[in-house]
Structure formats: C-alpha cells, structure tokens
C-alpha cells in the first residue's frame, strides 16, 4: 500500500513541472507582431494627436482620426481582411504603428498573408 502512494507522488513530482509548461509550448505566447496588432485593436482614442500620424489617417480613413484612432483603423483593417483586401488591411495595420518603427518592421516581416489571416480571426 505504501508503494502505491509513493509511486503516484513520485510520478506527480516529475510530471507536474512538465505539464504546467505545456500551455507555453503550445503557443499561448504570441509572436511580437501579433501583440502589436492586438495593442492597436485595443487602443481607442478621440484625440487626433494620439494617432501620431493624422496625415496617414486622413489619406485612408479620416473618420478614424476622432472616431477611435487605432482601434477604429484596426476595425477597418479587420473588415478589409475578411473581404480579402489584404493589401489595404496591412496598410492600415502599419499606420497604427507609425510611432513605432520596430513594430512596423515586425508586422511587415510577418508578411501580408500572415497578417491578413490573423486579422480574419478577430
């Protein structure tokens, strides 16, 4: 009877650290480019100055300048992706990161197809 108790405890001690790390191994953590997109989706503003590049908003989706900022632009990007207008979806997504060259590089590096597919899941 004691052996039965020792073996499960021993097995548990070995398996618990392995199993507890599985969510990370299965992709719970996202690539940076997806984190940048998610940040833009949640960044709502009505202050034109907070968009950081009003001219680019004016050239694409002027209503978003005071109608939500990045979150508005991302809603349009998501709609564009779902309509298979992936080039416009990527363009809008990159505009939301006009203040962050590293984020733009990460998103651009992921490629139009990956970004479009990710936006379609939103």
Protein backbone atom coordinates (compact mmCIF):
# COMPACT_ATOMS: atom_id res chain seq x y z
CA UNK A 1 0.00 0.00 0.00
CA UNK A 2 2.85 2.40 0.80
CA UNK A 3 4.48 1.70 -2.55
CA UNK A 4 1.28 2.70 -4.34
CA UNK A 5 1.29 6.06 -2.57
CA UNK A 6 4.98 6.69 -3.24
CA UNK A 7 4.80 5.95 -6.95
CA UNK A 8 1.95 8.37 -7.70
CA UNK A 9 3.66 11.08 -5.65
CA UNK A 10 6.93 10.44 -7.44
CA UNK A 11 5.22 10.47 -10.85
CA UNK A 12 3.34 13.63 -9.92
CA UNK A 13 6.56 15.36 -8.89
CA UNK A 14 8.09 14.57 -12.26
CA UNK A 15 5.06 15.23 -14.46
CA UNK A 16 3.72 18.39 -12.82
CA UNK A 17 6.55 20.68 -13.95
CA UNK A 18 6.37 19.23 -17.45
CA UNK A 19 2.59 19.52 -17.77
CA UNK A 20 2.48 23.00 -16.23
CA UNK A 21 4.75 24.25 -19.03
CA UNK A 22 2.60 22.86 -21.83
CA UNK A 23 0.45 25.96 -22.46
CA UNK A 24 3.58 27.90 -23.37
CA UNK A 25 4.79 25.08 -25.57
CA UNK A 26 1.51 25.04 -27.44
CA UNK A 27 1.67 28.69 -28.49
CA UNK A 28 -0.08 30.57 -25.72
CA UNK A 29 2.59 33.21 -26.10
CA UNK A 30 2.15 35.11 -29.35
CA UNK A 31 4.76 36.49 -31.72
CA UNK A 32 5.54 40.17 -31.21
CA UNK A 33 3.83 41.22 -34.43
CA UNK A 34 0.53 39.78 -33.17
CA UNK A 35 0.98 41.55 -29.83
CA UNK A 36 1.49 44.84 -31.69
CA UNK A 37 -1.71 44.25 -33.66
CA UNK A 38 -3.66 43.36 -30.52
CA UNK A 39 -2.40 46.53 -28.84
CA UNK A 40 -3.61 48.62 -31.79
CA UNK A 41 -7.01 46.93 -31.71
CA UNK A 42 -7.45 47.94 -28.08
CA UNK A 43 -6.04 51.48 -28.38
CA UNK A 44 -9.12 53.72 -28.62
CA UNK A 45 -8.82 57.49 -28.71
CA UNK A 46 -10.76 60.52 -29.89
CA UNK A 47 -7.74 62.84 -29.66
CA UNK A 48 -6.20 63.32 -33.13
CA UNK A 49 -2.78 63.92 -31.57
CA UNK A 50 -2.74 60.44 -30.08
CA UNK A 51 -2.85 58.85 -33.52
CA UNK A 52 0.70 60.15 -34.11
CA UNK A 53 0.20 60.45 -37.87
CA UNK A 54 -3.01 62.29 -38.68
CA UNK A 55 -1.95 62.75 -42.30
CA UNK A 56 -1.93 58.99 -42.89
CA UNK A 57 -5.35 58.62 -41.27
CA UNK A 58 -6.67 61.48 -43.41
CA UNK A 59 -5.39 59.74 -46.55
CA UNK A 60 -7.08 56.43 -45.71
CA UNK A 61 -9.84 56.55 -43.08
CA UNK A 62 -10.40 60.17 -41.98
CA UNK A 63 -13.35 59.28 -39.73
CA UNK A 64 -10.95 57.34 -37.51
CA UNK A 65 -8.98 60.47 -36.60
CA UNK A 66 -11.55 61.40 -33.94
CA UNK A 67 -13.64 58.24 -34.09
CA UNK A 68 -11.45 55.78 -32.23
CA UNK A 69 -7.94 56.26 -33.57
CA UNK A 70 -6.03 53.00 -33.82
CA UNK A 71 -8.96 50.82 -32.74
CA UNK A 72 -11.10 52.34 -35.49
CA UNK A 73 -8.38 51.82 -38.09
CA UNK A 74 -7.98 48.23 -36.95
CA UNK A 75 -11.73 47.61 -37.21
CA UNK A 76 -11.45 48.75 -40.84
CA UNK A 77 -8.35 46.58 -41.30
CA UNK A 78 -10.21 43.55 -39.93
CA UNK A 79 -13.17 44.24 -42.23
CA UNK A 80 -10.76 44.58 -45.16
CA UNK A 81 -9.02 41.31 -44.29
CA UNK A 82 -12.34 39.50 -44.08
CA UNK A 83 -13.21 40.93 -47.51
CA UNK A 84 -9.85 39.58 -48.80
CA UNK A 85 -8.48 43.08 -49.35
CA UNK A 86 -5.27 42.06 -47.62
CA UNK A 87 -3.06 44.81 -49.01
CA UNK A 88 -5.33 47.51 -47.55
CA UNK A 89 -5.61 45.60 -44.27
CA UNK A 90 -1.83 45.53 -43.98
CA UNK A 91 -1.55 49.20 -44.92
CA UNK A 92 -3.99 50.23 -42.19
CA UNK A 93 -2.30 47.97 -39.65
CA UNK A 94 1.08 49.53 -40.36
CA UNK A 95 -0.38 53.03 -39.99
CA UNK A 96 -1.48 52.20 -36.45
CA UNK A 97 2.18 51.67 -35.59
CA UNK A 98 3.53 54.79 -37.32
CA UNK A 99 5.07 55.82 -33.98
CA UNK A 100 6.93 52.52 -33.57
CA UNK A 101 9.31 51.55 -36.35
CA UNK A 102 10.18 48.29 -34.63
CA UNK A 103 6.53 47.25 -34.54
CA UNK A 104 6.10 48.19 -38.20
CA UNK A 105 9.15 46.11 -39.06
CA UNK A 106 7.83 43.12 -37.10
CA UNK A 107 4.39 43.33 -38.70
CA UNK A 108 5.84 43.83 -42.17
CA UNK A 109 8.26 40.97 -41.59
CA UNK A 110 5.38 38.63 -40.79
CA UNK A 111 4.08 39.31 -44.29
CA UNK A 112 0.78 40.35 -45.77
CA UNK A 113 -0.67 36.85 -45.82
CA UNK A 114 0.06 36.09 -42.16
CA UNK A 115 -1.24 39.48 -41.03
CA UNK A 116 -4.39 39.12 -43.11
CA UNK A 117 -5.06 35.62 -41.81
CA UNK A 118 -4.56 36.80 -38.23
CA UNK A 119 -6.93 39.73 -38.73
CA UNK A 120 -9.55 37.36 -40.11
CA UNK A 121 -9.63 35.66 -36.70
CA UNK A 122 -10.69 38.88 -34.98
